[in-house]
Amino acid sequence: MQSYPRPSEPFVHVTREKADGTCPECGASALQTYPVLSEGGWWDVTKCQECLCSVKREQGPLLGGIHLLIDLV
């Protein structure tokens, strides 16, 4: 059985990208796009960082950030 070392990072985080536009709920221009894992699989979402309103939600890659070699062919 192979064991994996304990991660050295205290928190898990994902890179968020700034998105253009304003929130339809609160009017803030603090929109960011990032991947989210839910019971329905991976989603690419754009959310307001002020009120957490979901502005856009699209089905993401099947395995999220994992890229298989077969996908590169």
N, C-alpha and C. Protein backbone atom coordinates (compact mmCIF):
# COMPACT_ATOMS: atom_id res chain seq x y z
N MET A 1 0.85 -1.19 0.00
CA MET A 1 0.00 0.00 0.00
C MET A 1 0.89 1.25 0.00
N GLN A 2 0.56 2.17 -0.88
CA GLN A 2 1.33 3.40 -0.98
C GLN A 2 0.70 4.46 -0.09
N SER A 3 1.53 5.17 0.64
CA SER A 3 0.99 6.27 1.45
C SER A 3 1.50 7.59 0.89
N TYR A 4 0.69 8.60 1.04
CA TYR A 4 1.04 9.92 0.54
C TYR A 4 1.34 10.82 1.72
N PRO A 5 2.35 11.68 1.60
CA PRO A 5 2.68 12.57 2.72
C PRO A 5 1.57 13.59 2.98
N ARG A 6 1.48 14.03 4.20
CA ARG A 6 0.51 15.06 4.59
C ARG A 6 0.85 16.34 3.84
N PRO A 7 -0.15 17.02 3.26
CA PRO A 7 0.12 18.29 2.57
C PRO A 7 0.75 19.31 3.52
N SER A 8 1.64 20.12 2.99
CA SER A 8 2.29 21.14 3.81
C SER A 8 1.47 22.43 3.88
N GLU A 9 0.51 22.60 2.94
CA GLU A 9 -0.32 23.80 2.94
C GLU A 9 -1.42 23.66 3.99
N PRO A 10 -1.66 24.70 4.78
CA PRO A 10 -2.71 24.62 5.80
C PRO A 10 -4.13 24.68 5.22
N PHE A 11 -4.30 25.26 4.03
CA PHE A 11 -5.62 25.40 3.43
C PHE A 11 -5.57 25.03 1.95
N VAL A 12 -6.67 24.50 1.46
CA VAL A 12 -6.81 24.24 0.03
C VAL A 12 -7.35 25.51 -0.61
N HIS A 13 -6.79 25.88 -1.75
CA HIS A 13 -7.28 27.08 -2.43
C HIS A 13 -7.25 26.87 -3.94
N VAL A 14 -7.97 27.68 -4.63
CA VAL A 14 -8.03 27.62 -6.08
C VAL A 14 -7.76 29.02 -6.63
N THR A 15 -7.13 29.08 -7.79
CA THR A 15 -6.85 30.37 -8.42
C THR A 15 -8.14 30.94 -9.00
N ARG A 16 -8.43 32.16 -8.66
CA ARG A 16 -9.63 32.85 -9.17
C ARG A 16 -9.20 33.92 -10.16
N GLU A 17 -9.99 34.08 -11.21
CA GLU A 17 -9.70 35.09 -12.22
C GLU A 17 -10.76 36.17 -12.17
N LYS A 18 -10.33 37.41 -12.28
CA LYS A 18 -11.26 38.54 -12.29
C LYS A 18 -12.11 38.48 -13.55
N ALA A 19 -13.40 38.71 -13.40
CA ALA A 19 -14.32 38.71 -14.55
C ALA A 19 -14.89 40.10 -14.74
N ASP A 20 -15.18 40.45 -15.97
CA ASP A 20 -15.76 41.75 -16.30
C ASP A 20 -17.25 41.76 -15.99
N GLY A 21 -17.78 42.92 -15.66
CA GLY A 21 -19.21 43.07 -15.44
C GLY A 21 -19.53 43.47 -14.02
N THR A 22 -20.82 43.57 -13.75
CA THR A 22 -21.30 43.92 -12.42
C THR A 22 -22.33 42.90 -11.97
N CYS A 23 -22.48 42.76 -10.68
CA CYS A 23 -23.42 41.81 -10.10
C CYS A 23 -24.85 42.30 -10.31
N PRO A 24 -25.75 41.44 -10.79
CA PRO A 24 -27.14 41.85 -10.99
C PRO A 24 -27.90 42.04 -9.67
N GLU A 25 -27.38 41.47 -8.58
CA GLU A 25 -28.05 41.57 -7.29
C GLU A 25 -27.65 42.83 -6.51
N CYS A 26 -26.32 43.04 -6.37
CA CYS A 26 -25.87 44.14 -5.51
C CYS A 26 -25.17 45.27 -6.27
N GLY A 27 -24.87 45.05 -7.56
CA GLY A 27 -24.24 46.09 -8.37
C GLY A 27 -22.73 46.20 -8.22
N ALA A 28 -22.12 45.34 -7.40
CA ALA A 28 -20.67 45.38 -7.22
C ALA A 28 -19.95 44.89 -8.47
N SER A 29 -18.74 45.37 -8.67
CA SER A 29 -17.95 44.93 -9.83
C SER A 29 -16.89 43.91 -9.39
N ALA A 30 -17.17 43.17 -8.33
CA ALA A 30 -16.22 42.20 -7.76
C ALA A 30 -16.55 40.78 -8.23
N LEU A 31 -16.59 40.56 -9.55
CA LEU A 31 -16.89 39.24 -10.09
C LEU A 31 -15.61 38.45 -10.31
N GLN A 32 -15.64 37.16 -9.94
CA GLN A 32 -14.50 36.29 -10.16
C GLN A 32 -14.99 34.95 -10.67
N THR A 33 -14.16 34.33 -11.53
CA THR A 33 -14.46 33.03 -12.12
C THR A 33 -13.51 31.99 -11.56
N TYR A 34 -14.08 30.81 -11.20
CA TYR A 34 -13.26 29.73 -10.65
C TYR A 34 -14.03 28.41 -10.70
N PRO A 35 -13.31 27.27 -10.62
CA PRO A 35 -13.98 25.97 -10.65
C PRO A 35 -14.53 25.62 -9.27
N VAL A 36 -15.67 24.91 -9.27
CA VAL A 36 -16.33 24.48 -8.02
C VAL A 36 -16.73 23.02 -8.18
N LEU A 37 -16.52 22.21 -7.13
CA LEU A 37 -16.95 20.82 -7.13
C LEU A 37 -18.19 20.70 -6.27
N SER A 38 -19.28 20.17 -6.84
CA SER A 38 -20.52 19.97 -6.09
C SER A 38 -21.01 18.55 -6.33
N GLU A 39 -22.17 18.23 -5.80
CA GLU A 39 -22.72 16.88 -5.99
C GLU A 39 -22.99 16.58 -7.46
N GLY A 40 -23.09 17.59 -8.30
CA GLY A 40 -23.32 17.40 -9.73
C GLY A 40 -22.06 17.35 -10.55
N GLY A 41 -20.89 17.37 -9.92
CA GLY A 41 -19.61 17.35 -10.63
C GLY A 41 -18.94 18.71 -10.60
N TRP A 42 -18.02 18.91 -11.53
CA TRP A 42 -17.27 20.16 -11.61
C TRP A 42 -18.05 21.21 -12.41
N TRP A 43 -18.02 22.44 -11.94
CA TRP A 43 -18.66 23.57 -12.60
C TRP A 43 -17.69 24.72 -12.66
N ASP A 44 -17.73 25.47 -13.75
CA ASP A 44 -17.00 26.74 -13.87
C ASP A 44 -18.02 27.82 -13.55
N VAL A 45 -17.77 28.55 -12.46
CA VAL A 45 -18.74 29.54 -12.00
C VAL A 45 -18.14 30.95 -12.02
N THR A 46 -19.01 31.93 -12.17
CA THR A 46 -18.66 33.33 -11.98
C THR A 46 -19.57 33.82 -10.87
N LYS A 47 -18.95 34.27 -9.79
CA LYS A 47 -19.71 34.69 -8.61
C LYS A 47 -19.27 36.07 -8.15
N CYS A 48 -20.21 36.79 -7.58
CA CYS A 48 -19.91 38.08 -6.96
C CYS A 48 -19.22 37.80 -5.63
N GLN A 49 -18.11 38.44 -5.39
CA GLN A 49 -17.37 38.21 -4.16
C GLN A 49 -17.90 39.05 -2.99
N GLU A 50 -18.85 39.94 -3.27
CA GLU A 50 -19.48 40.74 -2.21
C GLU A 50 -20.68 40.02 -1.62
N CYS A 51 -21.61 39.54 -2.48
CA CYS A 51 -22.85 38.94 -1.99
C CYS A 51 -22.97 37.45 -2.34
N LEU A 52 -21.96 36.89 -3.07
CA LEU A 52 -21.91 35.48 -3.48
C LEU A 52 -23.02 35.07 -4.44
N CYS A 53 -23.61 36.02 -5.13
CA CYS A 53 -24.60 35.72 -6.16
C CYS A 53 -23.90 34.99 -7.31
N SER A 54 -24.51 33.91 -7.80
CA SER A 54 -23.98 33.19 -8.96
C SER A 54 -24.44 33.90 -10.22
N VAL A 55 -23.49 34.47 -10.96
CA VAL A 55 -23.80 35.20 -12.17
C VAL A 55 -23.81 34.26 -13.37
N LYS A 56 -22.92 33.24 -13.36
CA LYS A 56 -22.84 32.30 -14.47
C LYS A 56 -22.36 30.95 -13.92
N ARG A 57 -22.92 29.86 -14.46
CA ARG A 57 -22.54 28.52 -14.03
C ARG A 57 -22.61 27.60 -15.23
N GLU A 58 -21.45 27.01 -15.61
CA GLU A 58 -21.37 26.12 -16.75
C GLU A 58 -20.71 24.82 -16.33
N GLN A 59 -21.15 23.70 -16.93
CA GLN A 59 -20.55 22.41 -16.62
C GLN A 59 -19.06 22.46 -16.94
N GLY A 60 -18.23 22.04 -15.99
CA GLY A 60 -16.78 22.05 -16.17
C GLY A 60 -16.27 20.72 -16.69
N PRO A 61 -14.95 20.56 -16.72
CA PRO A 61 -14.36 19.31 -17.17
C PRO A 61 -14.76 18.15 -16.26
N LEU A 62 -14.84 16.95 -16.80
CA LEU A 62 -15.27 15.78 -16.05
C LEU A 62 -14.43 15.56 -14.80
N LEU A 63 -13.11 15.72 -14.91
CA LEU A 63 -12.22 15.47 -13.78
C LEU A 63 -11.66 16.75 -13.17
N GLY A 64 -12.27 17.87 -13.46
CA GLY A 64 -11.81 19.13 -12.89
C GLY A 64 -10.45 19.52 -13.43
N GLY A 65 -9.50 19.74 -12.54
CA GLY A 65 -8.16 20.18 -12.94
C GLY A 65 -7.23 19.07 -13.35
N ILE A 66 -7.70 17.83 -13.35
CA ILE A 66 -6.86 16.69 -13.73
C ILE A 66 -6.92 16.54 -15.25
N HIS A 67 -5.75 16.55 -15.87
CA HIS A 67 -5.68 16.42 -17.33
C HIS A 67 -5.07 15.07 -17.68
N LEU A 68 -5.79 14.25 -18.42
CA LEU A 68 -5.30 12.96 -18.83
C LEU A 68 -4.44 13.09 -20.09
N LEU A 69 -3.46 12.22 -20.24
CA LEU A 69 -2.61 12.27 -21.43
C LEU A 69 -3.40 12.04 -22.70
N ILE A 70 -4.44 11.22 -22.63
CA ILE A 70 -5.27 10.95 -23.81
C ILE A 70 -5.95 12.22 -24.32
N ASP A 71 -6.21 13.16 -23.43
CA ASP A 71 -6.85 14.42 -23.83
C ASP A 71 -5.91 15.31 -24.66
N LEU A 72 -4.61 15.06 -24.57
CA LEU A 72 -3.62 15.87 -25.28
C LEU A 72 -3.37 15.38 -26.70
N VAL A 73 -3.88 14.21 -27.03
CA VAL A 73 -3.64 13.62 -28.35
C VAL A 73 -4.59 14.22 -29.37
